[in-house]
Amino acid sequence: MTVYESKLTDANLKFSHIYITSFYRKLPPDVFGGTNARAPARRLMHLEFRTGHIDTFVPTHASGRPRTFFQNRTFVREFFKHTGAEPGDVVRFEQVTPYHLRLSLRTTAGRVIAA
C-alpha cells in the first residue's frame, strides 16, 4: 500500500489545508477540477479520518495549473482539531484505492494518531 506524507506548516494550520505537492502528480487526472466548488472535477477523491470523511477534488488556478491541496477545507479543519496538529507534524495519506486516501498524523514527538 502506498503512503504519501506532507509536513505541516503554520500556513497549513492558518488556512486549513494540507499541501499535496509531493504526490499530486500521482493522483488520477480526473480528480483535478475547476477553480472553485462550483466547477468540480469529473471524479472525487474520498478522504477519511476515523469516522469523518469527505469527497473532494484538487482545484486548479485560472490558468489550469493544479493547486497543491484539496478543495474542501472543512474536513481538514476538523482533522487538525481532532488530532491537535501543530507545525512540523506530518500528515500521512494511505492510498486505499486510487480514489480513496486514509489520513493519519505523526507528531514531531513520533506519536501516531491513526484512523
PDB file of N, CA and C in Angstrom:
ATOM      1  N   MET A   1       0.844  -1.176   0.000  1.00  0.00           N
ATOM      2  CA  MET A   1       0.000   0.000   0.000  1.00  0.00           C
ATOM      3  C   MET A   1       0.891   1.241   0.000  1.00  0.00           C
ATOM      4  N   THR A   2       0.554   2.201  -0.819  1.00  0.00           N
ATOM      5  CA  THR A   2       1.333   3.424  -0.950  1.00  0.00           C
ATOM      6  C   THR A   2       0.946   4.421   0.139  1.00  0.00           C
ATOM      7  N   VAL A   3       1.964   5.064   0.719  1.00  0.00           N
ATOM      8  CA  VAL A   3       1.734   6.102   1.725  1.00  0.00           C
ATOM      9  C   VAL A   3       2.487   7.349   1.289  1.00  0.00           C
ATOM     10  N   TYR A   4       1.772   8.474   1.279  1.00  0.00           N
ATOM     11  CA  TYR A   4       2.365   9.770   0.975  1.00  0.00           C
ATOM     12  C   TYR A   4       2.404  10.576   2.262  1.00  0.00           C
ATOM     13  N   GLU A   5       3.345  11.511   2.355  1.00  0.00           N
ATOM     14  CA  GLU A   5       3.464  12.328   3.567  1.00  0.00           C
ATOM     15  C   GLU A   5       3.567  13.798   3.218  1.00  0.00           C
ATOM     16  N   SER A   6       3.094  14.630   4.156  1.00  0.00           N
ATOM     17  CA  SER A   6       3.159  16.076   3.995  1.00  0.00           C
ATOM     18  C   SER A   6       3.426  16.707   5.361  1.00  0.00           C
ATOM     19  N   LYS A   7       4.527  17.433   5.460  1.00  0.00           N
ATOM     20  CA  LYS A   7       4.890  18.107   6.715  1.00  0.00           C
ATOM     21  C   LYS A   7       4.092  19.403   6.835  1.00  0.00           C
ATOM     22  N   LEU A   8       3.466  19.602   7.993  1.00  0.00           N
ATOM     23  CA  LEU A   8       2.612  20.773   8.205  1.00  0.00           C
ATOM     24  C   LEU A   8       3.409  22.038   8.499  1.00  0.00           C
ATOM     25  N   THR A   9       2.882  23.144   7.997  1.00  0.00           N
ATOM     26  CA  THR A   9       3.469  24.463   8.225  1.00  0.00           C
ATOM     27  C   THR A   9       2.458  25.333   8.970  1.00  0.00           C
ATOM     28  N   ASP A  10       2.892  26.499   9.395  1.00  0.00           N
ATOM     29  CA  ASP A  10       1.970  27.461  10.011  1.00  0.00           C
ATOM     30  C   ASP A  10       0.830  27.807   9.043  1.00  0.00           C
ATOM     31  N   ALA A  11       1.156  27.975   7.761  1.00  0.00           N
ATOM     32  CA  ALA A  11       0.148  28.327   6.756  1.00  0.00           C
ATOM     33  C   ALA A  11      -0.912  27.234   6.627  1.00  0.00           C
ATOM     34  N   ASN A  12      -0.508  25.966   6.719  1.00  0.00           N
ATOM     35  CA  ASN A  12      -1.482  24.877   6.652  1.00  0.00           C
ATOM     36  C   ASN A  12      -2.526  25.019   7.747  1.00  0.00           C
ATOM     37  N   LEU A  13      -2.075  25.282   8.957  1.00  0.00           N
ATOM     38  CA  LEU A  13      -2.992  25.399  10.085  1.00  0.00           C
ATOM     39  C   LEU A  13      -3.835  26.669   9.978  1.00  0.00           C
ATOM     40  N   LYS A  14      -3.244  27.755   9.531  1.00  0.00           N
ATOM     41  CA  LYS A  14      -3.963  29.017   9.409  1.00  0.00           C
ATOM     42  C   LYS A  14      -5.062  28.948   8.348  1.00  0.00           C
ATOM     43  N   PHE A  15      -4.778  28.296   7.204  1.00  0.00           N
ATOM     44  CA  PHE A  15      -5.716  28.282   6.076  1.00  0.00           C
ATOM     45  C   PHE A  15      -6.448  26.947   5.900  1.00  0.00           C
ATOM     46  N   SER A  16      -6.277  26.025   6.833  1.00  0.00           N
ATOM     47  CA  SER A  16      -6.969  24.729   6.832  1.00  0.00           C
ATOM     48  C   SER A  16      -6.795  23.963   5.522  1.00  0.00           C
ATOM     49  N   HIS A  17      -5.555  23.772   5.145  1.00  0.00           N
ATOM     50  CA  HIS A  17      -5.270  22.909   4.000  1.00  0.00           C
ATOM     51  C   HIS A  17      -3.989  22.135   4.261  1.00  0.00           C
ATOM     52  N   ILE A  18      -3.828  21.052   3.527  1.00  0.00           N
ATOM     53  CA  ILE A  18      -2.631  20.220   3.633  1.00  0.00           C
ATOM     54  C   ILE A  18      -2.019  20.178   2.240  1.00  0.00           C
ATOM     55  N   TYR A  19      -0.766  20.571   2.142  1.00  0.00           N
ATOM     56  CA  TYR A  19      -0.104  20.532   0.842  1.00  0.00           C
ATOM     57  C   TYR A  19       0.044  19.093   0.356  1.00  0.00           C
ATOM     58  N   ILE A  20      -0.263  18.872  -0.913  1.00  0.00           N
ATOM     59  CA  ILE A  20      -0.099  17.558  -1.528  1.00  0.00           C
ATOM     60  C   ILE A  20       0.935  17.649  -2.651  1.00  0.00           C
ATOM     61  N   THR A  21       1.808  18.619  -2.532  1.00  0.00           N
ATOM     62  CA  THR A  21       2.812  18.908  -3.557  1.00  0.00           C
ATOM     63  C   THR A  21       3.643  17.682  -3.913  1.00  0.00           C
ATOM     64  N   SER A  22       4.014  16.881  -2.917  1.00  0.00           N
ATOM     65  CA  SER A  22       4.908  15.755  -3.173  1.00  0.00           C
ATOM     66  C   SER A  22       4.250  14.609  -3.927  1.00  0.00           C
ATOM     67  N   PHE A  23       2.909  14.598  -4.004  1.00  0.00           N
ATOM     68  CA  PHE A  23       2.270  13.460  -4.667  1.00  0.00           C
ATOM     69  C   PHE A  23       1.084  13.799  -5.566  1.00  0.00           C
ATOM     70  N   TYR A  24       0.753  15.066  -5.755  1.00  0.00           N
ATOM     71  CA  TYR A  24      -0.445  15.362  -6.555  1.00  0.00           C
ATOM     72  C   TYR A  24      -0.334  14.849  -7.986  1.00  0.00           C
ATOM     73  N   ARG A  25       0.868  14.754  -8.511  1.00  0.00           N
ATOM     74  CA  ARG A  25       1.052  14.241  -9.873  1.00  0.00           C
ATOM     75  C   ARG A  25       0.739  12.747  -9.978  1.00  0.00           C
ATOM     76  N   LYS A  26       0.677  12.061  -8.847  1.00  0.00           N
ATOM     77  CA  LYS A  26       0.376  10.622  -8.833  1.00  0.00           C
ATOM     78  C   LYS A  26      -1.118  10.345  -8.691  1.00  0.00           C
ATOM     79  N   LEU A  27      -1.919  11.394  -8.499  1.00  0.00           N
ATOM     80  CA  LEU A  27      -3.367  11.222  -8.378  1.00  0.00           C
ATOM     81  C   LEU A  27      -3.984  11.032  -9.767  1.00  0.00           C
ATOM     82  N   PRO A  28      -5.144  10.371  -9.833  1.00  0.00           N
ATOM     83  CA  PRO A  28      -5.810  10.208 -11.129  1.00  0.00           C
ATOM     84  C   PRO A  28      -6.118  11.572 -11.757  1.00  0.00           C
ATOM     85  N   PRO A  29      -5.918  11.728 -13.052  1.00  0.00           N
ATOM     86  CA  PRO A  29      -6.108  13.036 -13.698  1.00  0.00           C
ATOM     87  C   PRO A  29      -7.528  13.586 -13.620  1.00  0.00           C
ATOM     88  N   ASP A  30      -8.520  12.720 -13.437  1.00  0.00           N
ATOM     89  CA  ASP A  30      -9.895  13.215 -13.415  1.00  0.00           C
ATOM     90  C   ASP A  30     -10.336  13.762 -12.064  1.00  0.00           C
ATOM     91  N   VAL A  31      -9.415  13.855 -11.063  1.00  0.00           N
ATOM     92  CA  VAL A  31      -9.753  14.475  -9.771  1.00  0.00           C
ATOM     93  C   VAL A  31      -9.360  15.945  -9.727  1.00  0.00           C
ATOM     94  N   PHE A  32      -8.841  16.469 -10.840  1.00  0.00           N
ATOM     95  CA  PHE A  32      -8.481  17.874 -10.925  1.00  0.00           C
ATOM     96  C   PHE A  32      -9.642  18.624 -11.554  1.00  0.00           C
ATOM     97  N   GLY A  33     -10.145  19.633 -10.834  1.00  0.00           N
ATOM     98  CA  GLY A  33     -11.337  20.342 -11.289  1.00  0.00           C
ATOM     99  C   GLY A  33     -11.078  21.779 -11.634  1.00  0.00           C
ATOM    100  N   GLY A  34     -12.113  22.575 -11.479  1.00  0.00           N
ATOM    101  CA  GLY A  34     -12.035  23.991 -11.769  1.00  0.00           C
ATOM    102  C   GLY A  34     -11.435  24.779 -10.623  1.00  0.00           C
ATOM    103  N   THR A  35     -11.677  26.072 -10.643  1.00  0.00           N
ATOM    104  CA  THR A  35     -11.066  26.968  -9.666  1.00  0.00           C
ATOM    105  C   THR A  35     -11.820  27.028  -8.342  1.00  0.00           C
ATOM    106  N   ASN A  36     -13.054  26.480  -8.297  1.00  0.00           N
ATOM    107  CA  ASN A  36     -13.820  26.531  -7.048  1.00  0.00           C
ATOM    108  C   ASN A  36     -14.833  25.391  -7.001  1.00  0.00           C
ATOM    109  N   ALA A  37     -15.613  25.339  -5.916  1.00  0.00           N
ATOM    110  CA  ALA A  37     -16.556  24.242  -5.699  1.00  0.00           C
ATOM    111  C   ALA A  37     -17.666  24.197  -6.746  1.00  0.00           C
ATOM    112  N   ARG A  38     -17.924  25.297  -7.419  1.00  0.00           N
ATOM    113  CA  ARG A  38     -18.959  25.305  -8.468  1.00  0.00           C
ATOM    114  C   ARG A  38     -18.473  24.649  -9.761  1.00  0.00           C
ATOM    115  N   ALA A  39     -17.204  24.338  -9.830  1.00  0.00           N
ATOM    116  CA  ALA A  39     -16.630  23.691 -11.016  1.00  0.00           C
ATOM    117  C   ALA A  39     -15.806  22.480 -10.574  1.00  0.00           C
ATOM    118  N   PRO A  40     -16.473  21.460 -10.037  1.00  0.00           N
ATOM    119  CA  PRO A  40     -15.731  20.303  -9.510  1.00  0.00           C
ATOM    120  C   PRO A  40     -15.121  19.451 -10.620  1.00  0.00           C
ATOM    121  N   ALA A  41     -14.318  18.505 -10.196  1.00  0.00           N
ATOM    122  CA  ALA A  41     -13.708  17.549 -11.120  1.00  0.00           C
ATOM    123  C   ALA A  41     -14.734  16.502 -11.539  1.00  0.00           C
ATOM    124  N   ARG A  42     -14.398  15.742 -12.574  1.00  0.00           N
ATOM    125  CA  ARG A  42     -15.286  14.669 -13.031  1.00  0.00           C
ATOM    126  C   ARG A  42     -15.435  13.577 -11.978  1.00  0.00           C
ATOM    127  N   ARG A  43     -14.356  13.294 -11.244  1.00  0.00           N
ATOM    128  CA  ARG A  43     -14.403  12.304 -10.162  1.00  0.00           C
ATOM    129  C   ARG A  43     -13.850  12.958  -8.910  1.00  0.00           C
ATOM    130  N   LEU A  44     -14.245  12.433  -7.770  1.00  0.00           N
ATOM    131  CA  LEU A  44     -13.818  12.997  -6.497  1.00  0.00           C
ATOM    132  C   LEU A  44     -12.921  12.023  -5.750  1.00  0.00           C
ATOM    133  N   MET A  45     -12.061  12.581  -4.922  1.00  0.00           N
ATOM    134  CA  MET A  45     -11.224  11.788  -4.018  1.00  0.00           C
ATOM    135  C   MET A  45     -11.981  11.635  -2.708  1.00  0.00           C
ATOM    136  N   HIS A  46     -11.942  10.450  -2.150  1.00  0.00           N
ATOM    137  CA  HIS A  46     -12.570  10.195  -0.854  1.00  0.00           C
ATOM    138  C   HIS A  46     -11.466  10.255   0.199  1.00  0.00           C
ATOM    139  N   LEU A  47     -11.581  11.200   1.134  1.00  0.00           N
ATOM    140  CA  LEU A  47     -10.631  11.331   2.236  1.00  0.00           C
ATOM    141  C   LEU A  47     -11.326  10.883   3.504  1.00  0.00           C
ATOM    142  N   GLU A  48     -10.616  10.137   4.348  1.00  0.00           N
ATOM    143  CA  GLU A  48     -11.223   9.700   5.601  1.00  0.00           C
ATOM    144  C   GLU A  48     -10.240   9.782   6.755  1.00  0.00           C
ATOM    145  N   PHE A  49     -10.800  10.054   7.916  1.00  0.00           N
ATOM    146  CA  PHE A  49     -10.068  10.003   9.182  1.00  0.00           C
ATOM    147  C   PHE A  49     -11.070   9.592  10.247  1.00  0.00           C
ATOM    148  N   ARG A  50     -10.821   8.455  10.854  1.00  0.00           N
ATOM    149  CA  ARG A  50     -11.751   7.874  11.831  1.00  0.00           C
ATOM    150  C   ARG A  50     -13.137   7.792  11.222  1.00  0.00           C
ATOM    151  N   THR A  51     -14.136   8.367  11.860  1.00  0.00           N
ATOM    152  CA  THR A  51     -15.491   8.277  11.305  1.00  0.00           C
ATOM    153  C   THR A  51     -15.801   9.424  10.351  1.00  0.00           C
ATOM    154  N   GLY A  52     -14.907  10.397  10.238  1.00  0.00           N
ATOM    155  CA  GLY A  52     -15.124  11.517   9.329  1.00  0.00           C
ATOM    156  C   GLY A  52     -14.639  11.200   7.927  1.00  0.00           C
ATOM    157  N   HIS A  53     -15.349  11.726   6.959  1.00  0.00           N
ATOM    158  CA  HIS A  53     -14.935  11.537   5.567  1.00  0.00           C
ATOM    159  C   HIS A  53     -15.548  12.627   4.694  1.00  0.00           C
ATOM    160  N   ILE A  54     -14.941  12.804   3.548  1.00  0.00           N
ATOM    161  CA  ILE A  54     -15.409  13.818   2.599  1.00  0.00           C
ATOM    162  C   ILE A  54     -15.010  13.385   1.196  1.00  0.00           C
ATOM    163  N   ASP A  55     -15.798  13.769   0.229  1.00  0.00           N
ATOM    164  CA  ASP A  55     -15.449  13.590  -1.175  1.00  0.00           C
ATOM    165  C   ASP A  55     -15.105  14.965  -1.713  1.00  0.00           C
ATOM    166  N   THR A  56     -13.922  15.104  -2.270  1.00  0.00           N
ATOM    167  CA  THR A  56     -13.422  16.402  -2.700  1.00  0.00           C
ATOM    168  C   THR A  56     -12.556  16.251  -3.941  1.00  0.00           C
ATOM    169  N   PHE A  57     -11.993  17.335  -4.419  1.00  0.00           N
ATOM    170  CA  PHE A  57     -11.146  17.319  -5.614  1.00  0.00           C
ATOM    171  C   PHE A  57      -9.993  18.294  -5.428  1.00  0.00           C
ATOM    172  N   VAL A  58      -9.087  18.280  -6.382  1.00  0.00           N
ATOM    173  CA  VAL A  58      -7.961  19.215  -6.383  1.00  0.00           C
ATOM    174  C   VAL A  58      -8.342  20.370  -7.305  1.00  0.00           C
ATOM    175  N   PRO A  59      -8.439  21.591  -6.763  1.00  0.00           N
ATOM    176  CA  PRO A  59      -8.781  22.732  -7.615  1.00  0.00           C
ATOM    177  C   PRO A  59      -7.598  23.139  -8.498  1.00  0.00           C
ATOM    178  N   THR A  60      -7.889  23.969  -9.478  1.00  0.00           N
ATOM    179  CA  THR A  60      -6.834  24.469 -10.358  1.00  0.00           C
ATOM    180  C   THR A  60      -6.829  25.997 -10.337  1.00  0.00           C
ATOM    181  N   HIS A  61      -5.726  26.558 -10.777  1.00  0.00           N
ATOM    182  CA  HIS A  61      -5.631  28.004 -10.987  1.00  0.00           C
ATOM    183  C   HIS A  61      -6.423  28.338 -12.244  1.00  0.00           C
ATOM    184  N   ALA A  62      -6.706  29.600 -12.463  1.00  0.00           N
ATOM    185  CA  ALA A  62      -7.417  30.025 -13.673  1.00  0.00           C
ATOM    186  C   ALA A  62      -6.670  29.592 -14.936  1.00  0.00           C
ATOM    187  N   SER A  63      -5.364  29.457 -14.834  1.00  0.00           N
ATOM    188  CA  SER A  63      -4.544  29.023 -15.967  1.00  0.00           C
ATOM    189  C   SER A  63      -4.708  27.533 -16.266  1.00  0.00           C
ATOM    190  N   GLY A  64      -5.348  26.798 -15.326  1.00  0.00           N
ATOM    191  CA  GLY A  64      -5.499  25.352 -15.487  1.00  0.00           C
ATOM    192  C   GLY A  64      -4.459  24.544 -14.740  1.00  0.00           C
ATOM    193  N   ARG A  65      -3.465  25.216 -14.177  1.00  0.00           N
ATOM    194  CA  ARG A  65      -2.424  24.519 -13.409  1.00  0.00           C
ATOM    195  C   ARG A  65      -3.002  24.078 -12.068  1.00  0.00           C
ATOM    196  N   PRO A  66      -2.773  22.815 -11.646  1.00  0.00           N
ATOM    197  CA  PRO A  66      -3.340  22.329 -10.384  1.00  0.00           C
ATOM    198  C   PRO A  66      -2.823  23.089  -9.171  1.00  0.00           C
ATOM    199  N   ARG A  67      -3.719  23.254  -8.188  1.00  0.00           N
ATOM    200  CA  ARG A  67      -3.325  23.769  -6.879  1.00  0.00           C
ATOM    201  C   ARG A  67      -2.688  22.590  -6.145  1.00  0.00           C
ATOM    202  N   THR A  68      -2.150  22.810  -4.986  1.00  0.00           N
ATOM    203  CA  THR A  68      -1.448  21.729  -4.292  1.00  0.00           C
ATOM    204  C   THR A  68      -2.116  21.376  -2.966  1.00  0.00           C
ATOM    205  N   PHE A  69      -3.449  21.362  -2.988  1.00  0.00           N
ATOM    206  CA  PHE A  69      -4.229  20.949  -1.818  1.00  0.00           C
ATOM    207  C   PHE A  69      -5.617  20.554  -2.300  1.00  0.00           C
ATOM    208  N   PHE A  70      -6.395  19.907  -1.426  1.00  0.00           N
ATOM    209  CA  PHE A  70      -7.758  19.521  -1.785  1.00  0.00           C
ATOM    210  C   PHE A  70      -8.715  20.685  -1.555  1.00  0.00           C
ATOM    211  N   GLN A  71      -9.782  20.744  -2.334  1.00  0.00           N
ATOM    212  CA  GLN A  71     -10.731  21.847  -2.304  1.00  0.00           C
ATOM    213  C   GLN A  71     -11.421  22.018  -0.957  1.00  0.00           C
ATOM    214  N   ASN A  72     -11.960  20.949  -0.388  1.00  0.00           N
ATOM    215  CA  ASN A  72     -12.762  21.060   0.829  1.00  0.00           C
ATOM    216  C   ASN A  72     -11.860  21.229   2.050  1.00  0.00           C
ATOM    217  N   ARG A  73     -11.983  22.356   2.715  1.00  0.00           N
ATOM    218  CA  ARG A  73     -11.125  22.639   3.864  1.00  0.00           C
ATOM    219  C   ARG A  73     -11.811  22.353   5.198  1.00  0.00           C
ATOM    220  N   THR A  74     -13.116  22.164   5.196  1.00  0.00           N
ATOM    221  CA  THR A  74     -13.835  21.869   6.435  1.00  0.00           C
ATOM    222  C   THR A  74     -13.334  20.571   7.048  1.00  0.00           C
ATOM    223  N   PHE A  75     -13.171  19.542   6.208  1.00  0.00           N
ATOM    224  CA  PHE A  75     -12.664  18.253   6.678  1.00  0.00           C
ATOM    225  C   PHE A  75     -11.269  18.420   7.282  1.00  0.00           C
ATOM    226  N   VAL A  76     -10.420  19.189   6.615  1.00  0.00           N
ATOM    227  CA  VAL A  76      -9.050  19.400   7.096  1.00  0.00           C
ATOM    228  C   VAL A  76      -9.065  20.139   8.432  1.00  0.00           C
ATOM    229  N   ARG A  77      -9.925  21.140   8.558  1.00  0.00           N
ATOM    230  CA  ARG A  77     -10.054  21.882   9.817  1.00  0.00           C
ATOM    231  C   ARG A  77     -10.423  20.931  10.961  1.00  0.00           C
ATOM    232  N   GLU A  78     -11.377  20.040  10.703  1.00  0.00           N
ATOM    233  CA  GLU A  78     -11.794  19.061  11.709  1.00  0.00           C
ATOM    234  C   GLU A  78     -10.676  18.066  12.008  1.00  0.00           C
ATOM    235  N   PHE A  79      -9.944  17.645  10.992  1.00  0.00           N
ATOM    236  CA  PHE A  79      -8.793  16.747  11.181  1.00  0.00           C
ATOM    237  C   PHE A  79      -7.762  17.404  12.093  1.00  0.00           C
ATOM    238  N   PHE A  80      -7.433  18.667  11.839  1.00  0.00           N
ATOM    239  CA  PHE A  80      -6.481  19.389  12.680  1.00  0.00           C
ATOM    240  C   PHE A  80      -6.990  19.480  14.116  1.00  0.00           C
ATOM    241  N   LYS A  81      -8.264  19.771  14.268  1.00  0.00           N
ATOM    242  CA  LYS A  81      -8.863  19.905  15.597  1.00  0.00           C
ATOM    243  C   LYS A  81      -8.792  18.581  16.371  1.00  0.00           C
ATOM    244  N   HIS A  82      -9.170  17.484  15.727  1.00  0.00           N
ATOM    245  CA  HIS A  82      -9.212  16.182  16.403  1.00  0.00           C
ATOM    246  C   HIS A  82      -7.825  15.625  16.716  1.00  0.00           C
ATOM    247  N   THR A  83      -6.847  15.958  15.904  1.00  0.00           N
ATOM    248  CA  THR A  83      -5.501  15.426  16.123  1.00  0.00           C
ATOM    249  C   THR A  83      -4.617  16.361  16.941  1.00  0.00           C
ATOM    250  N   GLY A  84      -5.014  17.635  17.075  1.00  0.00           N
ATOM    251  CA  GLY A  84      -4.162  18.604  17.759  1.00  0.00           C
ATOM    252  C   GLY A  84      -2.921  18.921  16.939  1.00  0.00           C
ATOM    253  N   ALA A  85      -3.050  18.876  15.629  1.00  0.00           N
ATOM    254  CA  ALA A  85      -1.919  19.086  14.720  1.00  0.00           C
ATOM    255  C   ALA A  85      -1.197  20.402  14.983  1.00  0.00           C
ATOM    256  N   GLU A  86       0.116  20.351  14.821  1.00  0.00           N
ATOM    257  CA  GLU A  86       0.976  21.518  15.000  1.00  0.00           C
ATOM    258  C   GLU A  86       1.983  21.578  13.866  1.00  0.00           C
ATOM    259  N   PRO A  87       2.562  22.766  13.611  1.00  0.00           N
ATOM    260  CA  PRO A  87       3.598  22.859  12.579  1.00  0.00           C
ATOM    261  C   PRO A  87       4.714  21.856  12.871  1.00  0.00           C
ATOM    262  N   GLY A  88       5.189  21.205  11.827  1.00  0.00           N
ATOM    263  CA  GLY A  88       6.243  20.198  11.968  1.00  0.00           C
ATOM    264  C   GLY A  88       5.702  18.777  12.022  1.00  0.00           C
ATOM    265  N   ASP A  89       4.421  18.606  12.404  1.00  0.00           N
ATOM    266  CA  ASP A  89       3.809  17.281  12.367  1.00  0.00           C
ATOM    267  C   ASP A  89       3.687  16.845  10.909  1.00  0.00           C
ATOM    268  N   VAL A  90       3.533  15.547  10.698  1.00  0.00           N
ATOM    269  CA  VAL A  90       3.449  15.007   9.341  1.00  0.00           C
ATOM    270  C   VAL A  90       2.107  14.313   9.145  1.00  0.00           C
ATOM    271  N   VAL A  91       1.396  14.726   8.098  1.00  0.00           N
ATOM    272  CA  VAL A  91       0.148  14.058   7.726  1.00  0.00           C
ATOM    273  C   VAL A  91       0.516  12.924   6.781  1.00  0.00           C
ATOM    274  N   ARG A  92      -0.026  11.752   7.078  1.00  0.00           N
ATOM    275  CA  ARG A  92       0.194  10.571   6.242  1.00  0.00           C
ATOM    276  C   ARG A  92      -1.092  10.266   5.473  1.00  0.00           C
ATOM    277  N   PHE A  93      -0.961  10.065   4.178  1.00  0.00           N
ATOM    278  CA  PHE A  93      -2.072   9.719   3.298  1.00  0.00           C
ATOM    279  C   PHE A  93      -1.855   8.282   2.842  1.00  0.00           C
ATOM    280  N   GLU A  94      -2.623   7.359   3.361  1.00  0.00           N
ATOM    281  CA  GLU A  94      -2.524   5.966   2.972  1.00  0.00           C
ATOM    282  C   GLU A  94      -3.493   5.733   1.807  1.00  0.00           C
ATOM    283  N   GLN A  95      -2.961   5.292   0.679  1.00  0.00           N
ATOM    284  CA  GLN A  95      -3.794   5.098  -0.502  1.00  0.00           C
ATOM    285  C   GLN A  95      -4.509   3.749  -0.400  1.00  0.00           C
ATOM    286  N   VAL A  96      -5.813   3.806  -0.166  1.00  0.00           N
ATOM    287  CA  VAL A  96      -6.635   2.609  -0.067  1.00  0.00           C
ATOM    288  C   VAL A  96      -6.988   2.120  -1.476  1.00  0.00           C
ATOM    289  N   THR A  97      -7.415   3.044  -2.323  1.00  0.00           N
ATOM    290  CA  THR A  97      -7.646   2.808  -3.751  1.00  0.00           C
ATOM    291  C   THR A  97      -7.156   4.068  -4.455  1.00  0.00           C
ATOM    292  N   PRO A  98      -7.120   4.089  -5.774  1.00  0.00           N
ATOM    293  CA  PRO A  98      -6.677   5.316  -6.450  1.00  0.00           C
ATOM    294  C   PRO A  98      -7.513   6.553  -6.109  1.00  0.00           C
ATOM    295  N   TYR A  99      -8.770   6.354  -5.660  1.00  0.00           N
ATOM    296  CA  TYR A  99      -9.661   7.470  -5.346  1.00  0.00           C
ATOM    297  C   TYR A  99     -10.016   7.549  -3.861  1.00  0.00           C
ATOM    298  N   HIS A 100      -9.235   6.913  -3.007  1.00  0.00           N
ATOM    299  CA  HIS A 100      -9.547   6.849  -1.576  1.00  0.00           C
ATOM    300  C   HIS A 100      -8.252   6.940  -0.773  1.00  0.00           C
ATOM    301  N   LEU A 101      -8.158   7.978   0.077  1.00  0.00           N
ATOM    302  CA  LEU A 101      -7.000   8.181   0.934  1.00  0.00           C
ATOM    303  C   LEU A 101      -7.442   8.208   2.396  1.00  0.00           C
ATOM    304  N   ARG A 102      -6.722   7.478   3.239  1.00  0.00           N
ATOM    305  CA  ARG A 102      -6.982   7.464   4.682  1.00  0.00           C
ATOM    306  C   ARG A 102      -5.872   8.275   5.354  1.00  0.00           C
ATOM    307  N   LEU A 103      -6.268   9.256   6.164  1.00  0.00           N
ATOM    308  CA  LEU A 103      -5.304  10.141   6.810  1.00  0.00           C
ATOM    309  C   LEU A 103      -4.954   9.700   8.222  1.00  0.00           C
ATOM    310  N   SER A 104      -3.727   9.988   8.608  1.00  0.00           N
ATOM    311  CA  SER A 104      -3.281   9.859   9.992  1.00  0.00           C
ATOM    312  C   SER A 104      -2.243  10.955  10.213  1.00  0.00           C
ATOM    313  N   LEU A 105      -1.846  11.134  11.462  1.00  0.00           N
ATOM    314  CA  LEU A 105      -0.889  12.198  11.800  1.00  0.00           C
ATOM    315  C   LEU A 105       0.239  11.616  12.626  1.00  0.00           C
ATOM    316  N   ARG A 106       1.477  11.968  12.274  1.00  0.00           N
ATOM    317  CA  ARG A 106       2.640  11.617  13.091  1.00  0.00           C
ATOM    318  C   ARG A 106       3.187  12.916  13.677  1.00  0.00           C
ATOM    319  N   THR A 107       3.158  13.015  14.986  1.00  0.00           N
ATOM    320  CA  THR A 107       3.608  14.235  15.643  1.00  0.00           C
ATOM    321  C   THR A 107       5.128  14.334  15.616  1.00  0.00           C
ATOM    322  N   THR A 108       5.641  15.513  15.942  1.00  0.00           N
ATOM    323  CA  THR A 108       7.082  15.698  15.994  1.00  0.00           C
ATOM    324  C   THR A 108       7.710  14.822  17.070  1.00  0.00           C
ATOM    325  N   ALA A 109       6.922  14.413  18.054  1.00  0.00           N
ATOM    326  CA  ALA A 109       7.419  13.511  19.115  1.00  0.00           C
ATOM    327  C   ALA A 109       7.368  12.043  18.688  1.00  0.00           C
ATOM    328  N   GLY A 110       6.812  11.767  17.479  1.00  0.00           N
ATOM    329  CA  GLY A 110       6.771  10.402  16.972  1.00  0.00           C
ATOM    330  C   GLY A 110       5.470   9.656  17.247  1.00  0.00           C
ATOM    331  N   ARG A 111       4.551  10.288  17.930  1.00  0.00           N
ATOM    332  CA  ARG A 111       3.251   9.659  18.214  1.00  0.00           C
ATOM    333  C   ARG A 111       2.408   9.635  16.943  1.00  0.00           C
ATOM    334  N   VAL A 112       1.734   8.504  16.680  1.00  0.00           N
ATOM    335  CA  VAL A 112       0.872   8.398  15.504  1.00  0.00           C
ATOM    336  C   VAL A 112      -0.565   8.409  15.941  1.00  0.00           C
ATOM    337  N   ILE A 113      -1.336   9.300  15.349  1.00  0.00           N
ATOM    338  CA  ILE A 113      -2.782   9.393  15.598  1.00  0.00           C
ATOM    339  C   ILE A 113      -3.437   8.870  14.333  1.00  0.00           C
ATOM    340  N   ALA A 114      -3.946   7.637  14.415  1.00  0.00           N
ATOM    341  CA  ALA A 114      -4.438   6.938  13.237  1.00  0.00           C
ATOM    342  C   ALA A 114      -5.946   6.928  13.154  1.00  0.00           C
ATOM    343  N   ALA A 115      -6.409   6.485  11.994  1.00  0.00           N
ATOM    344  CA  ALA A 115      -7.845   6.409  11.711  1.00  0.00           C
ATOM    345  C   ALA A 115      -8.555   5.397  12.565  1.00  0.00           C
TER     346      ALA A 115
END
